[in-house]
Amino acid sequence: MPPLVALLIRNAALGFCVAIVFVAAMLLADVGGLGTLVVRSPDGVIAVFALTFATGLTFGSVQMGIAIMQLGEEEQEDGDGPHDAAARLIRAGRRFLDRHTHRRAAC
C-alpha cells in the first residue's frame, strides 16, 4: 500500500476513534438530554449509530486534512517562526508609536 494512502487511512481511523469517544462522552454527560432521549427511544441505537457515523466522518476528514497539511512543513530554525515574526512586528509598532507620541508631546 502506498505510504500516502496508509497515512490517510490511519488518520481517518484516528478521527473515527476520537468521534466515538466524543459521542460517548456526550451521551454519558447527557448534554441537552441527549443520553436520556436515546435510552428512552426505541430507535436509540439507530440514532447513536447515525450520530457516531456523522461525527466520525467529520472528525476523520479534519484529521486527514491536518495530516496532509503537515506533510509540507519543514522544521523551522529559531528566529524564523511565525511567533518570532509577530514579535518583530509588535516591536516595530511600539518603536513607531514611541517616535510619534514623543513628537506630539514636544509640540
C-alpha atoms as a PDB file:
ATOM      1  CA  MET A   1       0.000   0.000   0.000  1.00  0.00           C
ATOM      2  CA  PRO A   2       1.376   3.452  -0.868  1.00  0.00           C
ATOM      3  CA  PRO A   3       2.550   5.428   2.165  1.00  0.00           C
ATOM      4  CA  LEU A   4       0.188   8.340   1.474  1.00  0.00           C
ATOM      5  CA  VAL A   5      -2.855   6.042   1.381  1.00  0.00           C
ATOM      6  CA  ALA A   6      -1.716   4.400   4.619  1.00  0.00           C
ATOM      7  CA  LEU A   7      -1.315   7.851   6.181  1.00  0.00           C
ATOM      8  CA  LEU A   8      -4.849   8.815   5.166  1.00  0.00           C
ATOM      9  CA  ILE A   9      -6.388   5.573   6.417  1.00  0.00           C
ATOM     10  CA  ARG A  10      -4.521   5.796   9.726  1.00  0.00           C
ATOM     11  CA  ASN A  11      -5.636   9.388  10.300  1.00  0.00           C
ATOM     12  CA  ALA A  12      -9.230   8.665   9.260  1.00  0.00           C
ATOM     13  CA  ALA A  13      -9.313   5.794  11.772  1.00  0.00           C
ATOM     14  CA  LEU A  14      -7.902   8.103  14.434  1.00  0.00           C
ATOM     15  CA  GLY A  15     -10.628  10.643  13.673  1.00  0.00           C
ATOM     16  CA  PHE A  16     -13.319   7.965  13.979  1.00  0.00           C
ATOM     17  CA  CYS A  17     -11.877   6.818  17.322  1.00  0.00           C
ATOM     18  CA  VAL A  18     -11.963  10.386  18.621  1.00  0.00           C
ATOM     19  CA  ALA A  19     -15.562  10.666  17.385  1.00  0.00           C
ATOM     20  CA  ILE A  20     -16.575   7.513  19.261  1.00  0.00           C
ATOM     21  CA  VAL A  21     -15.084   8.884  22.470  1.00  0.00           C
ATOM     22  CA  PHE A  22     -16.739  12.265  21.838  1.00  0.00           C
ATOM     23  CA  VAL A  23     -20.198  10.789  21.247  1.00  0.00           C
ATOM     24  CA  ALA A  24     -19.844   8.502  24.267  1.00  0.00           C
ATOM     25  CA  ALA A  25     -18.891  11.486  26.434  1.00  0.00           C
ATOM     26  CA  MET A  26     -21.865  13.461  25.110  1.00  0.00           C
ATOM     27  CA  LEU A  27     -24.251  10.612  25.889  1.00  0.00           C
ATOM     28  CA  LEU A  28     -22.782   9.959  29.334  1.00  0.00           C
ATOM     29  CA  ALA A  29     -22.845  13.649  30.229  1.00  0.00           C
ATOM     30  CA  ASP A  30     -26.429  13.796  28.942  1.00  0.00           C
ATOM     31  CA  VAL A  31     -25.764  17.011  27.023  1.00  0.00           C
ATOM     32  CA  GLY A  32     -29.112  18.577  26.233  1.00  0.00           C
ATOM     33  CA  GLY A  33     -30.891  15.475  27.469  1.00  0.00           C
ATOM     34  CA  LEU A  34     -29.488  13.501  24.537  1.00  0.00           C
ATOM     35  CA  GLY A  35     -28.485  10.480  26.612  1.00  0.00           C
ATOM     36  CA  THR A  36     -31.915  10.240  28.211  1.00  0.00           C
ATOM     37  CA  LEU A  37     -33.626  10.641  24.848  1.00  0.00           C
ATOM     38  CA  VAL A  38     -31.534   7.854  23.306  1.00  0.00           C
ATOM     39  CA  VAL A  39     -32.140   5.469  26.198  1.00  0.00           C
ATOM     40  CA  ARG A  40     -35.906   6.038  26.193  1.00  0.00           C
ATOM     41  CA  SER A  41     -36.343   5.870  22.424  1.00  0.00           C
ATOM     42  CA  PRO A  42     -36.968   2.516  20.724  1.00  0.00           C
ATOM     43  CA  ASP A  43     -34.789   3.730  17.837  1.00  0.00           C
ATOM     44  CA  GLY A  44     -31.973   4.983  20.071  1.00  0.00           C
ATOM     45  CA  VAL A  45     -29.421   2.580  18.603  1.00  0.00           C
ATOM     46  CA  ILE A  46     -30.018   3.936  15.112  1.00  0.00           C
ATOM     47  CA  ALA A  47     -29.691   7.497  16.406  1.00  0.00           C
ATOM     48  CA  VAL A  48     -26.407   6.700  18.154  1.00  0.00           C
ATOM     49  CA  PHE A  49     -25.093   4.999  15.014  1.00  0.00           C
ATOM     50  CA  ALA A  50     -26.069   7.962  12.812  1.00  0.00           C
ATOM     51  CA  LEU A  51     -24.583  10.489  15.237  1.00  0.00           C
ATOM     52  CA  THR A  52     -21.371   8.490  15.590  1.00  0.00           C
ATOM     53  CA  PHE A  53     -21.035   7.987  11.846  1.00  0.00           C
ATOM     54  CA  ALA A  54     -21.612  11.658  11.013  1.00  0.00           C
ATOM     55  CA  THR A  55     -19.259  12.823  13.757  1.00  0.00           C
ATOM     56  CA  GLY A  56     -16.676  10.239  12.711  1.00  0.00           C
ATOM     57  CA  LEU A  57     -16.873  11.378   9.114  1.00  0.00           C
ATOM     58  CA  THR A  58     -16.298  14.967  10.203  1.00  0.00           C
ATOM     59  CA  PHE A  59     -13.511  14.234  12.683  1.00  0.00           C
ATOM     60  CA  GLY A  60     -11.851  11.772  10.277  1.00  0.00           C
ATOM     61  CA  SER A  61     -11.888  14.336   7.465  1.00  0.00           C
ATOM     62  CA  VAL A  62     -10.434  17.011   9.721  1.00  0.00           C
ATOM     63  CA  GLN A  63      -7.714  14.651  10.918  1.00  0.00           C
ATOM     64  CA  MET A  64      -6.832  13.668   7.343  1.00  0.00           C
ATOM     65  CA  GLY A  65      -6.703  17.329   6.333  1.00  0.00           C
ATOM     66  CA  ILE A  66      -4.372  18.145   9.206  1.00  0.00           C
ATOM     67  CA  ALA A  67      -2.105  15.249   8.263  1.00  0.00           C
ATOM     68  CA  ILE A  68      -1.977  16.345   4.619  1.00  0.00           C
ATOM     69  CA  MET A  69      -1.259  19.966   5.521  1.00  0.00           C
ATOM     70  CA  GLN A  70       1.586  18.929   7.813  1.00  0.00           C
ATOM     71  CA  LEU A  71       3.327  16.955   5.071  1.00  0.00           C
ATOM     72  CA  GLY A  72       4.900  20.057   3.554  1.00  0.00           C
ATOM     73  CA  GLU A  73       6.085  21.621   6.795  1.00  0.00           C
ATOM     74  CA  GLU A  74       9.763  21.624   7.500  1.00  0.00           C
ATOM     75  CA  GLU A  75      11.348  22.167  10.880  1.00  0.00           C
ATOM     76  CA  GLN A  76      11.869  25.874  11.395  1.00  0.00           C
ATOM     77  CA  GLU A  77      15.041  27.243  12.882  1.00  0.00           C
ATOM     78  CA  ASP A  78      14.913  29.511  15.912  1.00  0.00           C
ATOM     79  CA  GLY A  79      14.061  33.045  14.932  1.00  0.00           C
ATOM     80  CA  ASP A  80      12.200  32.024  11.780  1.00  0.00           C
ATOM     81  CA  GLY A  81       8.811  31.000  13.173  1.00  0.00           C
ATOM     82  CA  PRO A  82       5.529  32.859  12.973  1.00  0.00           C
ATOM     83  CA  HIS A  83       5.764  33.840  16.644  1.00  0.00           C
ATOM     84  CA  ASP A  84       9.122  35.495  16.043  1.00  0.00           C
ATOM     85  CA  ALA A  85       7.707  37.408  13.068  1.00  0.00           C
ATOM     86  CA  ALA A  86       4.809  38.578  15.214  1.00  0.00           C
ATOM     87  CA  ALA A  87       7.203  39.658  17.954  1.00  0.00           C
ATOM     88  CA  ARG A  88       9.263  41.658  15.426  1.00  0.00           C
ATOM     89  CA  LEU A  89       6.088  43.311  14.127  1.00  0.00           C
ATOM     90  CA  ILE A  90       4.989  44.240  17.659  1.00  0.00           C
ATOM     91  CA  ARG A  91       8.419  45.707  18.450  1.00  0.00           C
ATOM     92  CA  ALA A  92       8.355  47.737  15.213  1.00  0.00           C
ATOM     93  CA  GLY A  93       4.877  49.017  16.046  1.00  0.00           C
ATOM     94  CA  ARG A  94       5.986  50.063  19.525  1.00  0.00           C
ATOM     95  CA  ARG A  95       9.019  51.900  18.115  1.00  0.00           C
ATOM     96  CA  PHE A  96       6.763  53.685  15.640  1.00  0.00           C
ATOM     97  CA  LEU A  97       4.328  54.718  18.372  1.00  0.00           C
ATOM     98  CA  ASP A  98       7.142  55.818  20.664  1.00  0.00           C
ATOM     99  CA  ARG A  99       8.602  58.092  17.972  1.00  0.00           C
ATOM    100  CA  HIS A 100       5.262  59.650  17.113  1.00  0.00           C
ATOM    101  CA  THR A 101       3.992  60.090  20.659  1.00  0.00           C
ATOM    102  CA  HIS A 102       7.208  61.859  21.725  1.00  0.00           C
ATOM    103  CA  ARG A 103       6.894  64.332  18.878  1.00  0.00           C
ATOM    104  CA  ARG A 104       3.333  65.170  19.797  1.00  0.00           C
ATOM    105  CA  ALA A 105       4.249  65.660  23.446  1.00  0.00           C
ATOM    106  CA  ALA A 106       7.016  68.095  22.465  1.00  0.00           C
ATOM    107  CA  CYS A 107       4.674  70.295  20.409  1.00  0.00           C
END
